[in-house]
Every structure is written in structure tokens, then in C-alpha cells.
Amino acid sequence: MQHAYLELKLSWELFKKAPETLSEPERGRLGEIAGQQDSIEQRILASAAAANVVVPAATLQNRLAEVRKRYPSEDEFIQEMARIGLDRSELVKSIERDLRVEAVLDKVASAAPPVSAVDAEIYYRLHPEAFDRPEARRLRHILITFNNAQEKTKAAATLEMLRSSLKNAENFSSAALRHSQCPTAMDGGRLGVVKRQQLYVELEPAAFALNEGEISAVLESPIGLHILRCDEILPSGMLAFCEVQEKIIERLSDKRRREAQRDWIKSLGSAKR
């Protein structure tokens, strides 16, 4: 029964869908991974570290609820459990086993040495490319599409009139709501933070030449005519260590935890031999 539950869990984790919807290659890969995972979990639960590990009832119920939420209705949930051969009591046992494995691995990971600020700064100095902030703009736009030359002329005239009359972000936002034919119109034309190579090539040079608060000339892209507004120029260059220290510590801590778990699992295999 545990193997059936593992396939159910891994199907959602790896493929984001129920096992019965998988293609043949996906099912083959799922079976292979589930078999490997089952073997590893058996060794984990047979270890001394697994002794006296107890799963709180509330944790078990929360995980059961998470599994249930993957299905649109209770009937579909029950049908899926029946299809893979799990009744409720067997499902609860499988989930409890799963949580015990997680608890053991958490215990093992907790023994990993903590990451210090010095460790973080060494990583920061050795990997400068990871902290080089690219040039970026916070942009809005108004888009008007066209199907023929007459519509294009009319769209260009409308945008030209707008760009000469809009004075601030609030005015631009209102105009986007009224005139823009992009879904962003509902959000005041916001494109959000845009980096190089994220816009149409026809728009990028003008977008990255704008000063804060400036509106572009009428521009044409493959989807229509635009005007762009730069709300903010975001600084580029190397991020300061103080800005990224916490994220580096978190990243390195996760890495150490995973390595501690991997090495411990490998030691179980070695001990068995």
C-alpha cells in the first residue's frame, strides 16, 4: 500500500497531476522513482534515528487535508483512493509513515553546522556574478491594436494625443483603463519591473532611454502601437552584501541540510553492506 501512496504523492510532485493521467513514459519514470524512494524510506525508518519519532495528530490531519484538496470533490477523491487500492485507514497509515520519514530527515538536518555571516560573505565574494543586478525599469504602457492602415492612423493619433496630455502616473493609469487593449489596462497599464530582453525588440531601446516620469513616442510592435511610461529607474550594479546576507545564509543553510541528509542516507546503505 505504501508504494501506491508513494506513486500518488510523487505523481503530483513531479508531474502536477494524478497518476491515471500520466503518459506511458511518465508512468515508467514514476514507477522507477517510487521504487527507489521506497527503498530509501525503508532504510530511514529502520535506523536508530527513527526510534521514538511520533507524528502529532494535528500534523497528520493537516497533511491528509492537503491530499484531499488536490481533488475537486469528495467523490473524486474517494474514487482515486479506491483506484490505487487505498482505503482511508491505509491512506492515514501511509501519510503517517511519510511524516515519520520527514521528521527523521529534519532531525538529521538539524545537526548540520550553522552558516555564519562570515560564511555568507565568503560566498558573496566568490560569486559576484550571482549578485549583479541588471538594468531595469518599472514601466506602464497603453496598447492599441489595429487591423488596417486606417485603424493604425487612428490609433497613432489617439496615442499621440494621450502622450502629450498625461502628466503623472495617476493620469496614465486612468487613460490605460479607458484606452489600452492589453489585459494590463485593469492594473493601470503596469508592466511591472522589466529587464533587458524582456520587451519586444522594437520597444526596448526607447524603454531603456526613458527618464523617470517620461513617456515615450508612439512605438510599434508586432501586436500594435504603444506608448510607454517609466515610473522608476531601478539601480543596476552589484547588490550590497547587507541586501543579500539573509538570503545567502538561507540558501547555504538549505544546502548544508540537504548535504547532511544525503550523506546520512548514504551511510545507511554503507552500514547495511
Protein backbone atom coordinates (compact mmCIF):
# COMPACT_ATOMS: atom_id res chain seq x y z
CA MET A 1 0.00 0.00 0.00
CA GLN A 2 2.88 2.36 0.75
CA HIS A 3 4.14 2.01 -2.82
CA ALA A 4 0.70 3.06 -4.12
CA TYR A 5 0.75 6.12 -1.88
CA LEU A 6 4.29 6.98 -2.97
CA GLU A 7 3.23 6.87 -6.61
CA LEU A 8 0.27 9.12 -5.81
CA LYS A 9 2.45 11.64 -3.94
CA LEU A 10 5.28 11.63 -6.47
CA SER A 11 2.89 11.95 -9.40
CA TRP A 12 1.64 15.25 -8.01
CA GLU A 13 5.13 16.44 -7.02
CA LEU A 14 6.84 15.57 -10.30
CA PHE A 15 4.11 15.96 -12.89
CA LYS A 16 1.46 18.09 -11.10
CA LYS A 17 -1.30 15.61 -11.96
CA ALA A 18 -2.98 12.40 -10.83
CA PRO A 19 -1.29 9.06 -11.70
CA GLU A 20 -4.03 7.89 -14.06
CA THR A 21 -3.50 10.93 -16.30
CA LEU A 22 0.19 10.19 -16.89
CA SER A 23 1.57 9.12 -20.26
CA GLU A 24 3.33 5.78 -20.58
CA PRO A 25 6.84 7.31 -20.37
CA GLU A 26 5.75 9.32 -17.32
CA ARG A 27 4.31 6.23 -15.65
CA GLY A 28 7.52 4.32 -16.27
CA ARG A 29 9.59 7.11 -14.75
CA LEU A 30 7.18 7.38 -11.81
CA GLY A 31 7.44 3.67 -11.04
CA GLU A 32 11.24 3.81 -11.14
CA ILE A 33 11.45 6.81 -8.79
CA ALA A 34 8.82 5.40 -6.42
CA GLY A 35 10.75 2.13 -6.15
CA GLN A 36 13.98 3.96 -5.31
CA GLN A 37 12.19 6.20 -2.81
CA ASP A 38 10.52 3.24 -1.09
CA SER A 39 13.90 1.52 -0.64
CA ILE A 40 15.43 4.68 0.86
CA GLU A 41 12.49 5.22 3.21
CA GLN A 42 12.69 1.66 4.50
CA ARG A 43 16.33 2.21 5.46
CA ILE A 44 15.49 5.54 7.10
CA LEU A 45 12.71 4.05 9.23
CA ALA A 46 14.90 1.10 10.25
CA SER A 47 17.63 3.43 11.53
CA ALA A 48 18.33 4.32 15.16
CA ALA A 49 17.38 7.94 14.39
CA ALA A 50 13.81 6.83 13.69
CA ALA A 51 13.32 5.38 17.17
CA ASN A 52 10.70 7.18 19.24
CA VAL A 53 9.69 9.52 16.40
CA VAL A 54 5.99 10.30 16.85
CA VAL A 55 3.80 12.26 14.42
CA PRO A 56 1.38 14.69 16.13
CA ALA A 57 -2.27 14.04 15.30
CA ALA A 58 -2.77 17.63 14.10
CA THR A 59 0.14 17.32 11.66
CA LEU A 60 -1.32 14.10 10.30
CA GLN A 61 -4.76 15.65 9.82
CA ASN A 62 -3.30 18.69 8.07
CA ARG A 63 -1.39 16.51 5.61
CA LEU A 64 -4.50 14.42 4.97
CA ALA A 65 -6.42 17.63 4.22
CA GLU A 66 -3.70 18.72 1.78
CA VAL A 67 -4.05 15.45 -0.14
CA ARG A 68 -7.84 15.85 -0.23
CA LYS A 69 -7.60 19.41 -1.63
CA ARG A 70 -5.98 18.14 -4.82
CA TYR A 71 -9.36 16.78 -5.93
CA PRO A 72 -12.38 18.89 -6.93
CA SER A 73 -14.86 16.78 -4.96
CA GLU A 74 -15.03 14.18 -2.20
CA ASP A 75 -16.34 11.61 -4.69
CA GLU A 76 -13.34 12.08 -6.99
CA PHE A 77 -11.02 11.78 -4.01
CA ILE A 78 -12.64 8.52 -2.86
CA GLN A 79 -12.64 7.11 -6.40
CA GLU A 80 -8.93 7.86 -6.82
CA MET A 81 -8.08 6.22 -3.50
CA ALA A 82 -10.10 3.15 -4.49
CA ARG A 83 -8.45 3.04 -7.91
CA ILE A 84 -4.96 2.81 -6.39
CA GLY A 85 -6.13 0.41 -3.69
CA LEU A 86 -6.12 2.68 -0.62
CA ASP A 87 -8.95 2.95 1.86
CA ARG A 88 -8.95 5.77 4.42
CA SER A 89 -7.17 3.83 7.18
CA GLU A 90 -4.44 2.68 4.76
CA LEU A 91 -4.06 6.24 3.48
CA VAL A 92 -3.67 7.55 7.03
CA LYS A 93 -1.00 4.91 7.75
CA SER A 94 0.87 5.80 4.57
CA ILE A 95 0.77 9.52 5.34
CA GLU A 96 1.92 8.88 8.91
CA ARG A 97 4.86 6.86 7.57
CA ASP A 98 5.67 9.68 5.17
CA LEU A 99 5.65 12.21 8.01
CA ARG A 100 7.88 9.99 10.15
CA VAL A 101 10.43 9.92 7.32
CA GLU A 102 10.29 13.72 7.12
CA ALA A 103 10.72 14.04 10.88
CA VAL A 104 13.80 11.80 10.85
CA LEU A 105 15.34 13.77 7.99
CA ASP A 106 14.62 17.04 9.80
CA LYS A 107 16.40 15.65 12.87
CA VAL A 108 19.41 14.69 10.75
CA ALA A 109 19.45 18.08 9.01
CA SER A 110 19.35 19.92 12.33
CA ALA A 111 22.84 18.58 13.06
CA ALA A 112 24.30 20.45 10.07
CA PRO A 113 26.67 23.24 11.16
CA PRO A 114 25.06 26.70 11.10
CA VAL A 115 26.01 29.20 8.41
CA SER A 116 27.71 32.30 9.78
CA ALA A 117 27.83 35.83 8.39
CA VAL A 118 31.47 35.16 7.52
CA ASP A 119 30.47 32.07 5.51
CA ALA A 120 27.89 34.17 3.71
CA GLU A 121 30.35 36.95 2.87
CA ILE A 122 32.91 34.46 1.55
CA TYR A 123 30.22 33.07 -0.77
CA TYR A 124 29.28 36.62 -1.80
CA ARG A 125 32.89 37.49 -2.69
CA LEU A 126 33.46 34.25 -4.60
CA HIS A 127 30.24 34.52 -6.67
CA PRO A 128 29.93 38.19 -7.70
CA GLU A 129 28.02 37.29 -10.87
CA ALA A 130 25.14 36.00 -8.76
CA PHE A 131 24.62 39.42 -7.20
CA ASP A 132 25.00 41.66 -10.24
CA ARG A 133 21.67 43.47 -10.53
CA PRO A 134 20.79 44.09 -14.20
CA GLU A 135 19.47 47.37 -15.54
CA ALA A 136 15.72 47.55 -15.06
CA ARG A 137 12.76 49.90 -15.33
CA ARG A 138 9.33 49.92 -13.71
CA LEU A 139 7.07 50.55 -16.71
CA ARG A 140 3.47 51.11 -17.76
CA HIS A 141 2.08 51.09 -21.27
CA ILE A 142 -1.01 51.75 -23.30
CA LEU A 143 -1.57 49.43 -26.26
CA ILE A 144 -3.96 49.95 -29.15
CA THR A 145 -4.19 47.24 -31.80
CA PHE A 146 -5.19 47.72 -35.44
CA ASN A 147 -6.24 45.61 -38.42
CA ASN A 148 -5.68 48.00 -41.30
CA ALA A 149 -3.97 51.26 -42.25
CA GLN A 150 -6.98 53.36 -41.32
CA GLU A 151 -7.18 51.87 -37.83
CA LYS A 152 -3.43 52.29 -37.41
CA THR A 153 -3.66 56.00 -38.26
CA LYS A 154 -6.48 56.46 -35.78
CA ALA A 155 -4.62 54.54 -33.05
CA ALA A 156 -1.47 56.63 -33.61
CA ALA A 157 -3.45 59.86 -33.33
CA THR A 158 -5.11 58.71 -30.10
CA LEU A 159 -1.81 57.72 -28.52
CA GLU A 160 -0.11 60.93 -29.65
CA MET A 161 -2.90 62.95 -28.06
CA LEU A 162 -2.64 60.94 -24.84
CA ARG A 163 1.15 61.19 -24.51
CA SER A 164 1.03 64.97 -24.79
CA SER A 165 -1.71 65.34 -22.18
CA LEU A 166 -0.78 62.81 -19.48
CA LYS A 167 1.10 64.47 -16.64
CA ASN A 168 1.58 61.81 -13.97
CA ALA A 169 1.21 58.09 -13.17
CA GLU A 170 -2.36 58.54 -11.97
CA ASN A 171 -3.43 60.17 -15.25
CA PHE A 172 -1.62 57.47 -17.22
CA SER A 173 -3.31 54.75 -15.17
CA SER A 174 -6.76 56.20 -15.86
CA ALA A 175 -6.01 56.53 -19.57
CA ALA A 176 -4.78 52.93 -19.73
CA LEU A 177 -8.01 51.74 -18.18
CA ARG A 178 -10.04 53.65 -20.79
CA HIS A 179 -7.97 53.08 -23.92
CA SER A 180 -5.50 50.20 -23.61
CA GLN A 181 -6.36 46.90 -25.27
CA CYS A 182 -3.89 44.95 -23.14
CA PRO A 183 -5.03 42.98 -20.05
CA THR A 184 -2.71 45.23 -18.03
CA ALA A 185 -5.28 48.01 -18.56
CA MET A 186 -7.09 46.72 -15.47
CA ASP A 187 -3.96 47.47 -13.46
CA GLY A 188 -3.28 50.93 -14.80
CA GLY A 189 -1.15 49.61 -17.66
CA ARG A 190 1.54 48.29 -15.30
CA LEU A 191 4.14 46.05 -16.91
CA GLY A 192 5.98 45.81 -13.60
CA VAL A 193 9.75 45.60 -13.34
CA VAL A 194 11.19 44.98 -16.80
CA LYS A 195 14.78 43.92 -17.51
CA ARG A 196 16.70 43.91 -20.74
CA GLN A 197 15.45 41.40 -23.35
CA GLN A 198 12.01 41.10 -21.75
CA LEU A 199 10.27 43.52 -24.13
CA TYR A 200 9.71 43.36 -27.87
CA VAL A 201 12.92 44.44 -29.59
CA GLU A 202 11.01 47.34 -31.15
CA LEU A 203 10.21 48.71 -27.69
CA GLU A 204 13.35 48.06 -25.65
CA PRO A 205 15.63 50.88 -26.87
CA ALA A 206 13.02 53.54 -26.16
CA ALA A 207 12.01 51.97 -22.85
CA PHE A 208 15.56 52.00 -21.51
CA ALA A 209 16.20 55.54 -22.72
CA LEU A 210 13.32 57.00 -20.70
CA ASN A 211 13.86 59.09 -17.61
CA GLU A 212 11.61 58.65 -14.59
CA GLY A 213 8.16 60.08 -15.31
CA GLU A 214 8.85 60.35 -19.05
CA ILE A 215 6.52 58.99 -21.73
CA SER A 216 7.84 57.53 -24.97
CA ALA A 217 6.90 58.45 -28.51
CA VAL A 218 4.34 56.22 -30.20
CA LEU A 219 6.04 52.87 -30.83
CA GLU A 220 5.03 49.93 -32.98
CA SER A 221 5.48 46.26 -32.05
CA PRO A 222 4.14 43.07 -33.63
CA ILE A 223 0.94 43.40 -31.56
CA GLY A 224 0.11 47.07 -32.14
CA LEU A 225 1.01 50.62 -31.17
CA HIS A 226 2.19 51.60 -27.70
CA ILE A 227 3.23 54.44 -25.52
CA LEU A 228 5.43 53.60 -22.53
CA ARG A 229 5.81 55.41 -19.23
CA CYS A 230 8.80 54.94 -16.93
CA ASP A 231 7.63 55.03 -13.32
CA GLU A 232 11.02 54.22 -11.82
CA ILE A 233 14.61 53.50 -12.85
CA LEU A 234 15.95 50.72 -10.66
CA PRO A 235 19.64 50.89 -9.82
CA SER A 236 21.90 48.41 -11.53
CA GLY A 237 25.23 47.01 -10.44
CA MET A 238 26.47 44.86 -7.59
CA LEU A 239 23.99 44.34 -4.77
CA ALA A 240 25.40 45.31 -1.39
CA PHE A 241 26.23 42.40 0.92
CA CYS A 242 23.79 43.71 3.56
CA GLU A 243 20.97 43.41 1.00
CA VAL A 244 21.60 39.72 0.30
CA GLN A 245 23.16 38.41 3.52
CA GLU A 246 19.98 36.79 4.85
CA LYS A 247 19.17 35.14 1.51
CA ILE A 248 22.72 33.78 1.21
CA ILE A 249 22.56 32.35 4.74
CA GLU A 250 19.20 30.76 3.95
CA ARG A 251 20.49 29.31 0.68
CA LEU A 252 23.66 27.91 2.22
CA SER A 253 21.76 26.56 5.22
CA ASP A 254 19.38 24.68 2.91
CA LYS A 255 22.39 23.32 1.00
CA ARG A 256 24.08 22.11 4.19
CA ARG A 257 20.86 20.49 5.40
CA ARG A 258 20.41 18.64 2.10
CA GLU A 259 24.04 17.51 2.12
CA ALA A 260 23.74 16.28 5.71
CA GLN A 261 20.65 14.28 4.79
CA ARG A 262 22.25 12.86 1.64
CA ASP A 263 25.44 11.83 3.43
CA TRP A 264 23.49 10.23 6.25
CA ILE A 265 21.30 8.25 3.85
CA LYS A 266 24.44 7.07 2.03
CA SER A 267 25.89 5.95 5.36
CA LEU A 268 22.81 3.77 5.92
CA GLY A 269 23.50 1.97 2.68
CA SER A 270 27.16 1.50 3.60
CA ALA A 271 26.29 0.17 7.07
CA LYS A 272 23.88 -2.33 5.52
CA ARG A 273 26.64 -3.75 3.30
